[in-house]
Protein backbone atom coordinates (compact mmCIF):
# COMPACT_ATOMS: atom_id res chain seq x y z
CA MET A 1 19.03 -23.26 -14.87
CA ILE A 2 20.97 -20.10 -15.08
CA SER A 3 19.91 -19.45 -18.85
CA VAL A 4 16.46 -20.12 -18.01
CA LEU A 5 16.63 -17.55 -15.34
CA ALA A 6 18.19 -15.05 -17.65
CA ALA A 7 15.76 -15.52 -20.34
CA GLU A 8 13.24 -14.77 -17.99
CA LEU A 9 14.96 -11.69 -16.75
CA VAL A 10 15.53 -10.34 -20.47
CA LEU A 11 11.61 -11.22 -21.02
CA LEU A 12 11.15 -8.91 -17.93
CA LEU A 13 13.20 -6.14 -18.89
CA HIS A 14 11.51 -6.41 -22.35
CA VAL A 15 8.00 -6.03 -21.02
CA LEU A 16 9.06 -3.27 -18.58
CA PHE A 17 10.66 -1.15 -21.61
CA VAL A 18 7.50 -1.65 -23.83
CA VAL A 19 5.19 -0.67 -21.09
CA PHE A 20 7.87 2.40 -20.16
CA ALA A 21 7.75 3.30 -23.88
CA VAL A 22 3.98 3.18 -24.28
CA VAL A 23 2.86 4.82 -21.01
CA GLY A 24 5.85 6.36 -19.12
CA ALA A 25 5.73 10.14 -20.22
CA PRO A 26 3.70 11.04 -16.93
CA LEU A 27 6.98 9.72 -15.07
CA VAL A 28 8.27 13.03 -16.62
CA LEU A 29 6.16 15.05 -14.16
CA TRP A 30 7.80 13.30 -11.29
CA ARG A 31 11.37 13.54 -12.38
CA ARG A 32 12.18 15.66 -15.31
CA TRP A 33 15.49 14.02 -16.24
CA ILE A 34 13.39 10.99 -17.30
CA ILE A 35 12.43 12.53 -20.55
CA TRP A 36 16.15 12.04 -21.63
CA LEU A 37 15.24 8.25 -21.19
CA HIS A 38 11.69 8.08 -22.29
CA LEU A 39 11.99 9.93 -25.67
CA PRO A 40 14.73 7.80 -27.33
CA ALA A 41 12.65 4.74 -25.85
CA VAL A 42 9.44 6.11 -27.67
CA ALA A 43 11.56 6.34 -30.75
CA TRP A 44 12.96 2.88 -30.70
CA ALA A 45 9.63 1.27 -29.99
CA ALA A 46 7.96 3.17 -33.01
CA THR A 47 10.93 2.80 -35.14
CA VAL A 48 10.69 -1.03 -34.57
CA GLU A 49 6.91 -1.25 -35.38
CA PHE A 50 7.29 1.07 -38.47
CA TYR A 51 10.05 -0.97 -39.96
CA GLY A 52 8.93 -4.44 -38.82
CA LEU A 53 12.27 -4.90 -37.08
CA ILE A 54 13.32 -7.22 -34.28
CA CYS A 55 14.38 -5.67 -31.08
CA PRO A 56 18.02 -6.89 -30.03
CA LEU A 57 16.40 -8.15 -26.78
CA THR A 58 14.35 -10.90 -28.63
CA PRO A 59 17.37 -12.68 -29.97
CA LEU A 60 19.24 -12.42 -26.80
CA GLU A 61 16.34 -14.22 -25.05
CA ASN A 62 16.03 -16.84 -27.82
CA TRP A 63 19.85 -17.26 -27.44
CA LEU A 64 19.27 -17.67 -23.59
CA ARG A 65 16.41 -20.11 -24.07
CA THR A 66 18.22 -22.16 -26.53
CA GLY A 67 21.20 -22.56 -24.17
CA SER A 68 18.81 -23.98 -21.72
CA GLY A 69 17.38 -26.32 -24.30
CA ALA A 70 14.13 -24.57 -24.50
CA MET A 71 12.67 -23.94 -27.94
CA PRO A 72 13.28 -20.18 -29.01
CA TYR A 73 10.41 -18.10 -30.93
CA GLU A 74 10.60 -17.09 -34.46
CA ASP A 75 8.52 -13.80 -34.53
CA GLY A 76 9.22 -10.75 -32.67
CA PHE A 77 8.53 -10.09 -28.92
CA VAL A 78 5.43 -8.03 -29.66
CA ALA A 79 4.11 -10.73 -31.98
CA HIS A 80 4.85 -13.51 -29.83
CA TYR A 81 4.01 -12.35 -26.28
CA LEU A 82 1.77 -8.99 -26.58
CA TRP A 83 -0.20 -9.73 -29.73
CA PRO A 84 -1.73 -13.07 -28.70
CA MET A 85 -3.13 -11.29 -25.37
CA LEU A 86 -4.75 -8.54 -27.63
CA TYR A 87 -5.86 -10.29 -30.82
CA PRO A 88 -6.24 -14.03 -31.92
CA ALA A 89 -5.23 -13.34 -35.44
CA GLY A 90 -1.67 -12.94 -36.95
CA LEU A 91 0.32 -9.65 -36.55
CA THR A 92 -0.09 -7.98 -40.13
CA ARG A 93 2.25 -5.05 -41.01
CA GLU A 94 -0.46 -2.38 -41.31
CA ILE A 95 -1.40 -3.21 -37.70
CA GLN A 96 2.04 -3.31 -36.62
CA THR A 97 2.51 0.27 -38.34
CA GLY A 98 -0.64 1.26 -36.57
CA LEU A 99 0.58 0.10 -33.39
CA GLY A 100 3.81 2.58 -34.08
CA TRP A 101 1.42 5.36 -34.75
CA ALA A 102 -0.41 4.57 -31.57
CA VAL A 103 2.59 4.85 -29.23
CA LEU A 104 3.85 8.22 -30.98
CA VAL A 105 0.28 9.94 -31.00
CA LEU A 106 -0.45 8.71 -27.43
CA ASN A 107 3.15 10.33 -26.11
CA VAL A 108 2.71 13.55 -28.18
CA VAL A 109 -0.82 13.95 -26.43
CA VAL A 110 0.71 13.21 -23.07
CA TYR A 111 3.89 15.68 -23.63
CA ALA A 112 1.45 18.43 -24.98
CA PHE A 113 -0.20 18.18 -21.62
CA ILE A 114 2.92 17.96 -19.69
CA CYS A 115 4.16 21.20 -21.63
CA TRP A 116 1.00 23.00 -20.95
CA TYR A 117 1.24 22.25 -17.01
CA TRP A 118 4.95 23.25 -16.81
CA ARG A 119 4.03 26.55 -18.74
CA LYS A 120 0.96 26.92 -16.17
CA ARG A 121 3.27 26.28 -13.29
CA SER A 122 5.99 28.73 -14.43
CA ARG A 123 3.39 31.67 -14.66
CA PRO A 124 3.87 34.22 -12.10
CA GLY A 125 0.74 34.51 -10.02
CA THR A 126 -0.48 30.96 -10.60
CA GLY A 127 0.31 30.05 -6.85
CA ALA A 128 2.71 27.03 -8.18
């Protein structure tokens, strides 16, 4: 029972990490120190997608599931949990690379806006 709960907590952590990496940049407007967590998360998420790596959370979750008698999954987290929600077909390397670029481009755009916003606020006479 504890292994099942631990596996579910790892799964939740994995989902939260993916969401944070993809759309967490606006949190930097709330607390600037978050940038030091978010940029490495983006870099890691993109690297995993570009190189087709398996995140270390996946084997940990599988190990916990196996310890509880459940069946582990063979593919990575994105292919196993997220991909079936988005597309019925299998995950190809080209699409995985595209996901890596999407994460990077989305975050570059958001960080460009954040930089513009910070500069605008720091100018004298802007009322900020």
